[in-house]
Amino acid sequence: MMPLTMARAGDTVTIRKINGKDETRQHLAAMGFVECGLVTVVSELAGNLILQVKESRIALDRSMANRIMI
């Protein structure tokens, strides 16, 4: 497993695990980041990511993206 920040633009990856406190995991789940879910990296700038999750595009900073393992 590796953090989501290691994925490159254009990659579609499967979420394996989400680290962090329950509150953080629930917040990410509310945005569509769930285990076994697919995420496409739209673009990356300095570790910050724009992601396609289902039909939505979401921006995550580097610290939050590092909690999502693929």
PDB file of N, CA and C in Angstrom:
ATOM      1  N   MET A   1       0.840  -1.186   0.000  1.00  0.00           N
ATOM      2  CA  MET A   1       0.000   0.000   0.000  1.00  0.00           C
ATOM      3  C   MET A   1       0.883   1.246   0.000  1.00  0.00           C
ATOM      4  N   MET A   2       0.352   2.307  -0.579  1.00  0.00           N
ATOM      5  CA  MET A   2       1.062   3.588  -0.602  1.00  0.00           C
ATOM      6  C   MET A   2       0.028   4.708  -0.486  1.00  0.00           C
ATOM      7  N   PRO A   3       0.458   5.905  -0.074  1.00  0.00           N
ATOM      8  CA  PRO A   3      -0.502   7.004   0.057  1.00  0.00           C
ATOM      9  C   PRO A   3      -0.974   7.502  -1.309  1.00  0.00           C
ATOM     10  N   LEU A   4      -2.145   8.089  -1.316  1.00  0.00           N
ATOM     11  CA  LEU A   4      -2.741   8.611  -2.550  1.00  0.00           C
ATOM     12  C   LEU A   4      -1.849   9.651  -3.213  1.00  0.00           C
ATOM     13  N   THR A   5      -1.037  10.343  -2.444  1.00  0.00           N
ATOM     14  CA  THR A   5      -0.156  11.368  -3.019  1.00  0.00           C
ATOM     15  C   THR A   5       0.875  10.777  -3.987  1.00  0.00           C
ATOM     16  N   MET A   6       1.080   9.470  -3.947  1.00  0.00           N
ATOM     17  CA  MET A   6       2.034   8.823  -4.854  1.00  0.00           C
ATOM     18  C   MET A   6       1.441   8.553  -6.235  1.00  0.00           C
ATOM     19  N   ALA A   7       0.124   8.662  -6.376  1.00  0.00           N
ATOM     20  CA  ALA A   7      -0.518   8.441  -7.679  1.00  0.00           C
ATOM     21  C   ALA A   7      -0.250   9.644  -8.584  1.00  0.00           C
ATOM     22  N   ARG A   8      -0.215   9.398  -9.876  1.00  0.00           N
ATOM     23  CA  ARG A   8       0.047  10.458 -10.853  1.00  0.00           C
ATOM     24  C   ARG A   8      -1.240  10.882 -11.543  1.00  0.00           C
ATOM     25  N   ALA A   9      -1.203  12.047 -12.155  1.00  0.00           N
ATOM     26  CA  ALA A   9      -2.363  12.552 -12.879  1.00  0.00           C
ATOM     27  C   ALA A   9      -2.774  11.546 -13.956  1.00  0.00           C
ATOM     28  N   GLY A  10      -4.059  11.249 -14.014  1.00  0.00           N
ATOM     29  CA  GLY A  10      -4.581  10.295 -14.979  1.00  0.00           C
ATOM     30  C   GLY A  10      -4.760   8.896 -14.419  1.00  0.00           C
ATOM     31  N   ASP A  11      -4.142   8.604 -13.271  1.00  0.00           N
ATOM     32  CA  ASP A  11      -4.269   7.280 -12.658  1.00  0.00           C
ATOM     33  C   ASP A  11      -5.640   7.112 -12.016  1.00  0.00           C
ATOM     34  N   THR A  12      -6.228   5.934 -12.202  1.00  0.00           N
ATOM     35  CA  THR A  12      -7.434   5.550 -11.471  1.00  0.00           C
ATOM     36  C   THR A  12      -7.020   4.455 -10.505  1.00  0.00           C
ATOM     37  N   VAL A  13      -7.279   4.697  -9.220  1.00  0.00           N
ATOM     38  CA  VAL A  13      -6.813   3.790  -8.168  1.00  0.00           C
ATOM     39  C   VAL A  13      -7.976   3.377  -7.276  1.00  0.00           C
ATOM     40  N   THR A  14      -7.762   2.284  -6.533  1.00  0.00           N
ATOM     41  CA  THR A  14      -8.745   1.789  -5.585  1.00  0.00           C
ATOM     42  C   THR A  14      -8.269   2.103  -4.173  1.00  0.00           C
ATOM     43  N   ILE A  15      -9.157   2.654  -3.358  1.00  0.00           N
ATOM     44  CA  ILE A  15      -8.817   2.966  -1.967  1.00  0.00           C
ATOM     45  C   ILE A  15      -8.789   1.671  -1.175  1.00  0.00           C
ATOM     46  N   ARG A  16      -7.677   1.410  -0.486  1.00  0.00           N
ATOM     47  CA  ARG A  16      -7.506   0.193   0.315  1.00  0.00           C
ATOM     48  C   ARG A  16      -7.800   0.446   1.793  1.00  0.00           C
ATOM     49  N   LYS A  17      -7.395   1.629   2.291  1.00  0.00           N
ATOM     50  CA  LYS A  17      -7.557   1.925   3.703  1.00  0.00           C
ATOM     51  C   LYS A  17      -7.519   3.432   3.902  1.00  0.00           C
ATOM     52  N   ILE A  18      -8.230   3.900   4.938  1.00  0.00           N
ATOM     53  CA  ILE A  18      -8.194   5.315   5.285  1.00  0.00           C
ATOM     54  C   ILE A  18      -7.729   5.416   6.731  1.00  0.00           C
ATOM     55  N   ASN A  19      -6.624   6.122   6.952  1.00  0.00           N
ATOM     56  CA  ASN A  19      -6.056   6.288   8.285  1.00  0.00           C
ATOM     57  C   ASN A  19      -6.570   7.569   8.921  1.00  0.00           C
ATOM     58  N   GLY A  20      -6.482   7.634  10.230  1.00  0.00           N
ATOM     59  CA  GLY A  20      -6.855   8.849  10.945  1.00  0.00           C
ATOM     60  C   GLY A  20      -7.919   8.587  11.985  1.00  0.00           C
ATOM     61  N   LYS A  21      -8.323   9.657  12.651  1.00  0.00           N
ATOM     62  CA  LYS A  21      -9.358   9.573  13.678  1.00  0.00           C
ATOM     63  C   LYS A  21     -10.705   9.273  13.028  1.00  0.00           C
ATOM     64  N   ASP A  22     -11.643   8.796  13.844  1.00  0.00           N
ATOM     65  CA  ASP A  22     -12.982   8.487  13.337  1.00  0.00           C
ATOM     66  C   ASP A  22     -13.606   9.699  12.651  1.00  0.00           C
ATOM     67  N   GLU A  23     -13.417  10.869  13.234  1.00  0.00           N
ATOM     68  CA  GLU A  23     -13.990  12.086  12.665  1.00  0.00           C
ATOM     69  C   GLU A  23     -13.453  12.353  11.261  1.00  0.00           C
ATOM     70  N   THR A  24     -12.159  12.158  11.077  1.00  0.00           N
ATOM     71  CA  THR A  24     -11.533  12.371   9.768  1.00  0.00           C
ATOM     72  C   THR A  24     -12.037  11.350   8.762  1.00  0.00           C
ATOM     73  N   ARG A  25     -12.107  10.091   9.162  1.00  0.00           N
ATOM     74  CA  ARG A  25     -12.575   9.043   8.255  1.00  0.00           C
ATOM     75  C   ARG A  25     -14.039   9.270   7.861  1.00  0.00           C
ATOM     76  N   GLN A  26     -14.861   9.719   8.805  1.00  0.00           N
ATOM     77  CA  GLN A  26     -16.263   9.989   8.498  1.00  0.00           C
ATOM     78  C   GLN A  26     -16.392  11.164   7.542  1.00  0.00           C
ATOM     79  N   HIS A  27     -15.559  12.181   7.725  1.00  0.00           N
ATOM     80  CA  HIS A  27     -15.580  13.344   6.822  1.00  0.00           C
ATOM     81  C   HIS A  27     -15.221  12.927   5.401  1.00  0.00           C
ATOM     82  N   LEU A  28     -14.168  12.119   5.261  1.00  0.00           N
ATOM     83  CA  LEU A  28     -13.769  11.639   3.933  1.00  0.00           C
ATOM     84  C   LEU A  28     -14.844  10.739   3.330  1.00  0.00           C
ATOM     85  N   ALA A  29     -15.466   9.890   4.148  1.00  0.00           N
ATOM     86  CA  ALA A  29     -16.527   9.003   3.650  1.00  0.00           C
ATOM     87  C   ALA A  29     -17.711   9.824   3.145  1.00  0.00           C
ATOM     88  N   ALA A  30     -18.022  10.923   3.807  1.00  0.00           N
ATOM     89  CA  ALA A  30     -19.125  11.783   3.373  1.00  0.00           C
ATOM     90  C   ALA A  30     -18.848  12.405   2.012  1.00  0.00           C
ATOM     91  N   MET A  31     -17.573  12.561   1.672  1.00  0.00           N
ATOM     92  CA  MET A  31     -17.195  13.106   0.359  1.00  0.00           C
ATOM     93  C   MET A  31     -17.069  12.017  -0.702  1.00  0.00           C
ATOM     94  N   GLY A  32     -17.216  10.751  -0.300  1.00  0.00           N
ATOM     95  CA  GLY A  32     -17.154   9.660  -1.267  1.00  0.00           C
ATOM     96  C   GLY A  32     -15.902   8.815  -1.201  1.00  0.00           C
ATOM     97  N   PHE A  33     -14.998   9.129  -0.283  1.00  0.00           N
ATOM     98  CA  PHE A  33     -13.759   8.350  -0.142  1.00  0.00           C
ATOM     99  C   PHE A  33     -14.015   7.180   0.792  1.00  0.00           C
ATOM    100  N   VAL A  34     -14.337   6.035   0.221  1.00  0.00           N
ATOM    101  CA  VAL A  34     -14.625   4.836   1.011  1.00  0.00           C
ATOM    102  C   VAL A  34     -13.720   3.703   0.538  1.00  0.00           C
ATOM    103  N   GLU A  35     -13.467   2.735   1.425  1.00  0.00           N
ATOM    104  CA  GLU A  35     -12.635   1.594   1.061  1.00  0.00           C
ATOM    105  C   GLU A  35     -13.252   0.854  -0.115  1.00  0.00           C
ATOM    106  N   CYS A  36     -12.426   0.402  -1.021  1.00  0.00           N
ATOM    107  CA  CYS A  36     -12.793  -0.288  -2.261  1.00  0.00           C
ATOM    108  C   CYS A  36     -13.409   0.652  -3.299  1.00  0.00           C
ATOM    109  N   GLY A  37     -13.440   1.949  -3.024  1.00  0.00           N
ATOM    110  CA  GLY A  37     -13.959   2.921  -3.989  1.00  0.00           C
ATOM    111  C   GLY A  37     -12.880   3.318  -4.978  1.00  0.00           C
ATOM    112  N   LEU A  38     -13.307   3.722  -6.169  1.00  0.00           N
ATOM    113  CA  LEU A  38     -12.371   4.162  -7.205  1.00  0.00           C
ATOM    114  C   LEU A  38     -12.217   5.676  -7.178  1.00  0.00           C
ATOM    115  N   VAL A  39     -10.984   6.122  -7.388  1.00  0.00           N
ATOM    116  CA  VAL A  39     -10.662   7.547  -7.416  1.00  0.00           C
ATOM    117  C   VAL A  39      -9.735   7.784  -8.606  1.00  0.00           C
ATOM    118  N   THR A  40     -10.009   8.838  -9.370  1.00  0.00           N
ATOM    119  CA  THR A  40      -9.136   9.212 -10.484  1.00  0.00           C
ATOM    120  C   THR A  40      -8.440  10.519 -10.143  1.00  0.00           C
ATOM    121  N   VAL A  41      -7.121  10.543 -10.320  1.00  0.00           N
ATOM    122  CA  VAL A  41      -6.346  11.759 -10.075  1.00  0.00           C
ATOM    123  C   VAL A  41      -6.453  12.629 -11.323  1.00  0.00           C
ATOM    124  N   VAL A  42      -7.069  13.794 -11.175  1.00  0.00           N
ATOM    125  CA  VAL A  42      -7.230  14.716 -12.300  1.00  0.00           C
ATOM    126  C   VAL A  42      -5.958  15.535 -12.478  1.00  0.00           C
ATOM    127  N   SER A  43      -5.466  16.115 -11.381  1.00  0.00           N
ATOM    128  CA  SER A  43      -4.207  16.862 -11.449  1.00  0.00           C
ATOM    129  C   SER A  43      -3.555  16.908 -10.072  1.00  0.00           C
ATOM    130  N   GLU A  44      -2.263  17.276 -10.088  1.00  0.00           N
ATOM    131  CA  GLU A  44      -1.469  17.328  -8.856  1.00  0.00           C
ATOM    132  C   GLU A  44      -0.561  18.543  -8.916  1.00  0.00           C
ATOM    133  N   LEU A  45      -0.492  19.276  -7.799  1.00  0.00           N
ATOM    134  CA  LEU A  45       0.398  20.424  -7.721  1.00  0.00           C
ATOM    135  C   LEU A  45       0.955  20.490  -6.305  1.00  0.00           C
ATOM    136  N   ALA A  46       2.248  20.276  -6.166  1.00  0.00           N
ATOM    137  CA  ALA A  46       2.942  20.320  -4.873  1.00  0.00           C
ATOM    138  C   ALA A  46       2.321  19.372  -3.853  1.00  0.00           C
ATOM    139  N   GLY A  47       1.850  18.221  -4.297  1.00  0.00           N
ATOM    140  CA  GLY A  47       1.274  17.238  -3.393  1.00  0.00           C
ATOM    141  C   GLY A  47      -0.208  17.397  -3.163  1.00  0.00           C
ATOM    142  N   ASN A  48      -0.768  18.551  -3.514  1.00  0.00           N
ATOM    143  CA  ASN A  48      -2.203  18.768  -3.407  1.00  0.00           C
ATOM    144  C   ASN A  48      -2.871  18.177  -4.642  1.00  0.00           C
ATOM    145  N   LEU A  49      -4.011  17.523  -4.449  1.00  0.00           N
ATOM    146  CA  LEU A  49      -4.640  16.775  -5.536  1.00  0.00           C
ATOM    147  C   LEU A  49      -6.038  17.261  -5.864  1.00  0.00           C
ATOM    148  N   ILE A  50      -6.386  17.194  -7.139  1.00  0.00           N
ATOM    149  CA  ILE A  50      -7.774  17.320  -7.569  1.00  0.00           C
ATOM    150  C   ILE A  50      -8.178  15.933  -8.032  1.00  0.00           C
ATOM    151  N   LEU A  51      -9.251  15.403  -7.439  1.00  0.00           N
ATOM    152  CA  LEU A  51      -9.655  14.018  -7.646  1.00  0.00           C
ATOM    153  C   LEU A  51     -11.069  13.932  -8.184  1.00  0.00           C
ATOM    154  N   GLN A  52     -11.297  12.927  -9.006  1.00  0.00           N
ATOM    155  CA  GLN A  52     -12.638  12.606  -9.493  1.00  0.00           C
ATOM    156  C   GLN A  52     -13.138  11.434  -8.655  1.00  0.00           C
ATOM    157  N   VAL A  53     -14.199  11.671  -7.875  1.00  0.00           N
ATOM    158  CA  VAL A  53     -14.810  10.641  -7.047  1.00  0.00           C
ATOM    159  C   VAL A  53     -16.267  10.552  -7.463  1.00  0.00           C
ATOM    160  N   LYS A  54     -16.629   9.404  -8.034  1.00  0.00           N
ATOM    161  CA  LYS A  54     -17.964   9.232  -8.612  1.00  0.00           C
ATOM    162  C   LYS A  54     -18.178  10.332  -9.637  1.00  0.00           C
ATOM    163  N   GLU A  55     -19.171  11.205  -9.483  1.00  0.00           N
ATOM    164  CA  GLU A  55     -19.400  12.271 -10.466  1.00  0.00           C
ATOM    165  C   GLU A  55     -18.917  13.632  -9.992  1.00  0.00           C
ATOM    166  N   SER A  56     -18.117  13.674  -8.925  1.00  0.00           N
ATOM    167  CA  SER A  56     -17.673  14.939  -8.349  1.00  0.00           C
ATOM    168  C   SER A  56     -16.162  15.095  -8.434  1.00  0.00           C
ATOM    169  N   ARG A  57     -15.726  16.339  -8.517  1.00  0.00           N
ATOM    170  CA  ARG A  57     -14.297  16.652  -8.427  1.00  0.00           C
ATOM    171  C   ARG A  57     -14.062  17.295  -7.072  1.00  0.00           C
ATOM    172  N   ILE A  58     -13.047  16.795  -6.379  1.00  0.00           N
ATOM    173  CA  ILE A  58     -12.755  17.246  -5.023  1.00  0.00           C
ATOM    174  C   ILE A  58     -11.270  17.550  -4.918  1.00  0.00           C
ATOM    175  N   ALA A  59     -10.947  18.660  -4.254  1.00  0.00           N
ATOM    176  CA  ALA A  59      -9.547  19.019  -4.005  1.00  0.00           C
ATOM    177  C   ALA A  59      -9.176  18.597  -2.588  1.00  0.00           C
ATOM    178  N   LEU A  60      -8.028  17.934  -2.455  1.00  0.00           N
ATOM    179  CA  LEU A  60      -7.514  17.536  -1.143  1.00  0.00           C
ATOM    180  C   LEU A  60      -6.096  18.052  -0.981  1.00  0.00           C
ATOM    181  N   ASP A  61      -5.787  18.542   0.217  1.00  0.00           N
ATOM    182  CA  ASP A  61      -4.411  18.956   0.462  1.00  0.00           C
ATOM    183  C   ASP A  61      -3.550  17.730   0.741  1.00  0.00           C
ATOM    184  N   ARG A  62      -2.259  17.940   0.747  1.00  0.00           N
ATOM    185  CA  ARG A  62      -1.308  16.841   0.876  1.00  0.00           C
ATOM    186  C   ARG A  62      -1.514  16.040   2.166  1.00  0.00           C
ATOM    187  N   SER A  63      -1.754  16.713   3.295  1.00  0.00           N
ATOM    188  CA  SER A  63      -1.886  15.996   4.569  1.00  0.00           C
ATOM    189  C   SER A  63      -3.105  15.080   4.572  1.00  0.00           C
ATOM    190  N   MET A  64      -4.207  15.512   3.989  1.00  0.00           N
ATOM    191  CA  MET A  64      -5.408  14.681   3.936  1.00  0.00           C
ATOM    192  C   MET A  64      -5.219  13.536   2.938  1.00  0.00           C
ATOM    193  N   ALA A  65      -4.610  13.805   1.801  1.00  0.00           N
ATOM    194  CA  ALA A  65      -4.384  12.772   0.792  1.00  0.00           C
ATOM    195  C   ALA A  65      -3.432  11.700   1.303  1.00  0.00           C
ATOM    196  N   ASN A  66      -2.511  12.048   2.192  1.00  0.00           N
ATOM    197  CA  ASN A  66      -1.581  11.074   2.748  1.00  0.00           C
ATOM    198  C   ASN A  66      -2.287  10.060   3.666  1.00  0.00           C
ATOM    199  N   ARG A  67      -3.474  10.371   4.134  1.00  0.00           N
ATOM    200  CA  ARG A  67      -4.224   9.445   4.996  1.00  0.00           C
ATOM    201  C   ARG A  67      -4.959   8.384   4.199  1.00  0.00           C
ATOM    202  N   ILE A  68      -5.095   8.596   2.902  1.00  0.00           N
ATOM    203  CA  ILE A  68      -5.799   7.637   2.036  1.00  0.00           C
ATOM    204  C   ILE A  68      -4.765   6.723   1.407  1.00  0.00           C
ATOM    205  N   MET A  69      -4.885   5.436   1.701  1.00  0.00           N
ATOM    206  CA  MET A  69      -3.928   4.447   1.198  1.00  0.00           C
ATOM    207  C   MET A  69      -4.517   3.715  -0.003  1.00  0.00           C
ATOM    208  N   ILE A  70      -3.679   3.526  -1.030  1.00  0.00           N
ATOM    209  CA  ILE A  70      -4.122   2.831  -2.247  1.00  0.00           C
ATOM    210  C   ILE A  70      -3.277   1.603  -2.469  1.00  0.00           C
TER     211      ILE A  70
END
